[in-house]
Protein backbone atom coordinates (compact mmCIF):
# COMPACT_ATOMS: atom_id res chain seq x y z
CA GLN A 1 -7.35 -12.18 22.75
CA LEU A 2 -8.19 -11.26 26.45
CA GLN A 3 -7.49 -7.50 27.01
CA LEU A 4 -8.00 -5.39 30.24
CA VAL A 5 -7.98 -1.60 29.18
CA GLU A 6 -8.11 0.87 32.51
CA SER A 7 -9.40 4.19 31.96
CA GLY A 8 -10.48 7.28 33.96
CA GLY A 9 -7.03 8.41 35.65
CA GLY A 10 -5.44 12.19 35.43
CA LEU A 11 -4.69 15.17 37.49
CA VAL A 12 -6.49 16.00 41.34
CA GLN A 13 -5.88 17.88 43.55
CA PRO A 14 -5.74 16.87 46.61
CA GLY A 15 -9.20 15.72 48.03
CA GLY A 16 -10.59 15.56 44.67
CA SER A 17 -12.01 12.49 43.60
CA LEU A 18 -11.23 10.06 40.59
CA ARG A 19 -13.62 7.36 38.85
CA LEU A 20 -11.05 4.71 37.47
CA SER A 21 -12.45 1.89 34.85
CA CYS A 22 -10.89 -1.34 34.24
CA ALA A 23 -13.43 -2.49 30.61
CA ALA A 24 -12.72 -6.16 29.37
CA SER A 25 -12.43 -8.19 26.05
CA GLY A 26 -12.48 -11.29 25.03
CA PHE A 27 -14.17 -13.00 27.91
CA THR A 28 -16.01 -12.66 30.77
CA LEU A 29 -15.42 -10.94 34.16
CA ASP A 30 -18.30 -13.62 35.32
CA ASP A 31 -15.89 -15.70 36.50
CA TYR A 32 -12.49 -13.52 37.33
CA ALA A 33 -11.49 -12.34 39.94
CA ILE A 34 -10.26 -8.82 39.40
CA GLY A 35 -7.57 -6.87 41.12
CA TRP A 36 -6.18 -3.09 41.39
CA PHE A 37 -2.53 -2.23 41.28
CA ARG A 38 -0.33 1.26 41.51
CA GLN A 39 3.20 1.49 41.67
CA ALA A 40 4.51 5.15 41.89
CA PRO A 41 8.52 5.56 40.66
CA GLY A 42 11.07 3.52 42.41
CA LYS A 43 8.18 1.80 44.10
CA GLU A 44 7.18 -1.75 43.92
CA ARG A 45 3.44 -2.66 42.80
CA GLU A 46 1.20 -2.14 44.90
CA GLY A 47 -2.31 -4.05 46.41
CA VAL A 48 -5.18 -1.42 46.97
CA SER A 49 -8.23 -3.62 46.19
CA CYS A 50 -9.69 -5.62 44.89
CA VAL A 51 -13.28 -8.19 44.27
CA SER A 52 -13.80 -12.00 43.87
CA SER A 53 -15.94 -13.61 40.70
CA ASN A 54 -19.17 -12.69 41.50
CA GLY A 55 -18.65 -8.69 42.59
CA PHE A 56 -19.64 -9.77 46.24
CA ILE A 57 -15.90 -10.59 47.75
CA THR A 58 -14.12 -6.94 48.13
CA SER A 59 -10.71 -6.33 49.95
CA TYR A 60 -9.03 -3.32 50.26
CA ALA A 61 -5.53 -2.43 51.49
CA ASP A 62 -5.52 -0.50 55.11
CA SER A 63 -3.58 2.84 53.62
CA VAL A 64 -6.76 2.75 51.58
CA LYS A 65 -9.94 1.89 53.31
CA GLY A 66 -12.65 4.32 53.60
CA ARG A 67 -11.09 6.79 50.52
CA PHE A 68 -11.43 3.94 47.91
CA THR A 69 -14.86 2.22 46.02
CA ILE A 70 -14.13 -0.97 44.06
CA SER A 71 -17.05 -2.49 42.17
CA LYS A 72 -18.23 -4.77 39.52
CA ASP A 73 -20.61 -4.99 36.27
CA ASN A 74 -20.78 -7.97 34.87
CA ALA A 75 -23.01 -6.63 32.59
CA GLU A 76 -20.56 -4.51 31.37
CA ASN A 77 -17.59 -6.75 32.02
CA THR A 78 -16.07 -4.19 33.97
CA VAL A 79 -14.78 -3.45 37.36
CA TYR A 80 -14.85 0.16 38.61
CA LEU A 81 -12.50 2.07 41.44
CA GLN A 82 -13.77 5.00 43.08
CA ILE A 83 -11.20 7.08 44.58
CA ASN A 84 -11.87 9.80 47.33
CA SER A 85 -9.86 12.39 48.90
CA LEU A 86 -7.13 11.98 46.97
CA GLU A 87 -3.65 12.23 48.85
CA PRO A 88 -0.50 13.24 46.86
CA GLU A 89 0.86 10.35 48.02
CA ASP A 90 -2.08 8.06 45.74
CA THR A 91 -0.01 9.32 42.82
CA ALA A 92 0.18 6.00 41.24
CA VAL A 93 0.21 4.72 37.29
CA TYR A 94 -2.73 2.37 38.11
CA TYR A 95 -3.19 -1.23 37.14
CA CYS A 96 -6.14 -3.59 37.17
CA ALA A 97 -5.13 -7.39 36.51
CA ALA A 98 -7.33 -10.45 36.55
CA ARG A 99 -7.98 -14.08 38.00
CA GLU A 100 -9.63 -17.12 36.95
CA LEU A 101 -11.50 -17.80 40.00
CA ARG A 102 -14.46 -19.47 40.68
CA PHE A 103 -14.40 -18.83 44.69
CA ARG A 104 -15.67 -16.19 46.55
CA MET A 105 -12.35 -14.97 47.01
CA CYS A 106 -9.70 -11.97 45.68
CA MET A 107 -6.15 -11.41 46.07
CA LEU A 108 -3.97 -8.36 46.92
CA SER A 109 -0.87 -10.61 45.56
CA ALA A 110 -0.16 -9.28 41.81
CA SER A 111 1.79 -12.70 41.23
CA LEU A 112 -1.55 -14.39 42.12
CA TYR A 113 -2.68 -12.62 38.52
CA ASP A 114 -2.19 -14.05 35.35
CA TYR A 115 -3.39 -10.35 32.83
CA TRP A 116 -2.60 -7.50 33.26
CA GLY A 117 -3.99 -4.15 31.78
CA GLN A 118 -1.80 -1.14 29.97
CA GLY A 119 -1.67 0.85 33.66
CA THR A 120 -3.68 4.68 33.87
CA GLN A 121 -1.87 7.57 35.54
CA VAL A 122 -2.96 9.38 38.79
CA THR A 123 -1.33 12.35 39.31
CA VAL A 124 -2.31 13.99 42.80
CA SER A 125 -0.73 17.88 43.19
CA SER A 126 -2.13 21.05 44.16
């Protein structure tokens, strides 16, 4: 059974950091592009970052460039999202998603992904 499990969320003060993990089971990430998305209460789901199947192509939303870093460890079958300089506006549930895509590209559109995790809550507050 194909499954994605996010972890690493929590409560952090403004300016702090977190590392989110997206662990895959039931399939290998070698042939999958992975995206990270977030959804705050009352807002639409927003794509924040993605990485290609080979891990070499990445993309970021303008709102997180310079603060978020995505990485893919195919040996661990896990994708990470390092989040630095957290702001209250980053508060949301963060989801990872997968799509089988062997091309050297990735997408920030949620509608293009087929498999989703359950999400992990990130709260930025003093």
